[in-house]
Amino acid sequence: MSETRLSFKDMCAKFDVTPRTLRYYEYIELLTPEKEGRSRFDGPKELARMTLILRGRRFGFSLEDIRQWLLIYEHEGTEAQMREWVALADRQMAELKDQRSQLEETIAELQKLRDETAISLG
């Protein structure tokens, strides 16, 4: 059975990221592709990691948080990683809820000022 391996270009296309992004993720050791001469190939492990990286970014996690979380799996295993995930998720949800609250206040204030201005125009 052959393993899935993607070239650099295919990896960029599959995850809709720029070459610069992929190189940066490699530079900060989020990804460690196989290298053959000047070519690089990402196997199943890197595909899974990239999926987790992008999901983490979508949820607002920093790249350092994601990097540390991925390292836990390598050093301590799945259960430790899942425990850390719960802690990270709890912290991020609290932050997002705070941001939502601030945004709702800003929208209400803007709506009030807009309505007052519209009324004053007659």
Protein backbone atom coordinates (compact mmCIF):
# COMPACT_ATOMS: atom_id res chain seq x y z
CA MET A 1 0.00 0.00 0.00
CA SER A 2 1.51 3.33 -0.99
CA GLU A 3 1.52 6.25 1.41
CA THR A 4 0.09 9.57 0.40
CA ARG A 5 2.91 12.04 -0.24
CA LEU A 6 2.35 15.51 -1.53
CA SER A 7 4.86 17.76 -3.23
CA PHE A 8 5.37 21.30 -1.96
CA LYS A 9 3.11 22.67 -4.71
CA ASP A 10 0.41 20.06 -4.06
CA MET A 11 0.51 20.75 -0.33
CA CYS A 12 -0.02 24.48 -0.96
CA ALA A 13 -2.94 23.71 -3.27
CA LYS A 14 -4.56 21.12 -0.98
CA PHE A 15 -4.59 23.47 2.02
CA ASP A 16 -4.95 26.72 0.08
CA VAL A 17 -1.87 28.28 1.66
CA THR A 18 0.95 30.28 0.15
CA PRO A 19 4.44 28.83 -0.32
CA ARG A 20 5.63 31.42 2.20
CA THR A 21 3.20 30.06 4.82
CA LEU A 22 4.32 26.49 4.25
CA ARG A 23 7.99 27.46 4.44
CA TYR A 24 7.34 29.41 7.63
CA TYR A 25 5.55 26.46 9.26
CA GLU A 26 8.57 24.35 8.41
CA TYR A 27 10.94 27.03 9.73
CA ILE A 28 9.18 27.16 13.12
CA GLU A 29 9.10 23.35 13.19
CA LEU A 30 5.38 22.84 12.89
CA LEU A 31 6.03 20.68 9.83
CA THR A 32 8.97 18.45 9.02
CA PRO A 33 8.67 17.28 5.41
CA GLU A 34 10.78 14.54 3.90
CA LYS A 35 13.49 15.91 1.66
CA GLU A 36 14.87 14.31 -1.46
CA GLY A 37 17.50 16.55 -2.98
CA ARG A 38 15.88 19.93 -3.43
CA SER A 39 12.38 18.48 -3.37
CA ARG A 40 10.26 18.14 -0.28
CA PHE A 41 7.34 15.82 0.31
CA ASP A 42 4.73 15.80 3.02
CA GLY A 43 3.43 12.43 4.17
CA PRO A 44 0.35 11.44 6.18
CA LYS A 45 1.78 12.78 9.45
CA GLU A 46 2.38 16.23 7.94
CA LEU A 47 -1.05 16.23 6.30
CA ALA A 48 -2.66 15.53 9.68
CA ARG A 49 -0.53 18.19 11.37
CA MET A 50 -1.42 20.76 8.71
CA THR A 51 -5.11 20.04 9.21
CA LEU A 52 -4.69 20.61 12.96
CA ILE A 53 -2.61 23.76 12.43
CA LEU A 54 -5.20 25.34 10.18
CA ARG A 55 -8.04 24.34 12.47
CA GLY A 56 -6.17 25.86 15.40
CA ARG A 57 -5.56 29.08 13.47
CA ARG A 58 -9.25 29.26 12.55
CA PHE A 59 -10.11 29.02 16.26
CA GLY A 60 -7.67 31.86 16.99
CA PHE A 61 -4.82 29.93 18.61
CA SER A 62 -1.32 31.32 18.27
CA LEU A 63 1.21 29.35 16.28
CA GLU A 64 3.25 28.90 19.46
CA ASP A 65 0.23 27.40 21.27
CA ILE A 66 -0.27 25.03 18.35
CA ARG A 67 3.42 24.11 18.26
CA GLN A 68 3.49 23.36 21.99
CA TRP A 69 0.29 21.34 21.73
CA LEU A 70 1.71 19.24 18.88
CA LEU A 71 4.91 18.65 20.89
CA ILE A 72 2.89 17.24 23.78
CA TYR A 73 1.72 14.38 21.55
CA GLU A 74 5.29 13.54 20.56
CA HIS A 75 6.61 13.64 24.14
CA GLU A 76 3.67 12.59 26.31
CA GLY A 77 1.10 10.90 24.07
CA THR A 78 -2.52 11.28 23.14
CA GLU A 79 -4.12 11.59 26.58
CA ALA A 80 -1.81 14.42 27.68
CA GLN A 81 -2.42 16.15 24.36
CA MET A 82 -6.19 15.86 24.76
CA ARG A 83 -6.02 17.26 28.31
CA GLU A 84 -4.01 20.23 27.05
CA TRP A 85 -6.49 20.68 24.19
CA VAL A 86 -9.36 21.00 26.67
CA ALA A 87 -7.42 23.63 28.64
CA LEU A 88 -6.51 25.54 25.48
CA ALA A 89 -10.08 25.36 24.19
CA ASP A 90 -11.48 26.61 27.50
CA ARG A 91 -9.07 29.55 27.51
CA GLN A 92 -9.79 30.41 23.87
CA MET A 93 -13.57 30.17 24.30
CA ALA A 94 -13.37 32.61 27.22
CA GLU A 95 -11.33 35.00 25.07
CA LEU A 96 -13.75 34.72 22.13
CA LYS A 97 -16.76 35.29 24.38
CA ASP A 98 -15.09 38.42 25.77
CA GLN A 99 -14.40 39.66 22.24
CA ARG A 100 -18.02 38.97 21.27
CA SER A 101 -19.25 40.95 24.26
CA GLN A 102 -17.01 43.89 23.35
CA LEU A 103 -18.18 43.71 19.74
CA GLU A 104 -21.84 43.66 20.76
CA GLU A 105 -21.26 46.77 22.91
CA THR A 106 -19.53 48.55 20.04
CA ILE A 107 -22.34 47.66 17.62
CA ALA A 108 -24.97 48.92 20.08
CA GLU A 109 -23.09 52.18 20.58
CA LEU A 110 -22.65 52.69 16.85
CA GLN A 111 -26.33 51.92 16.21
CA LYS A 112 -27.37 54.46 18.86
CA LEU A 113 -25.16 57.20 17.41
CA ARG A 114 -26.32 56.38 13.89
CA ASP A 115 -29.98 56.54 14.94
CA GLU A 116 -29.49 59.84 16.82
CA THR A 117 -27.77 61.34 13.78
CA ALA A 118 -30.52 60.12 11.45
CA ILE A 119 -33.21 61.63 13.72
CA SER A 120 -31.38 64.96 13.87
CA LEU A 121 -31.39 65.09 10.06
CA GLY A 122 -35.13 65.05 10.22
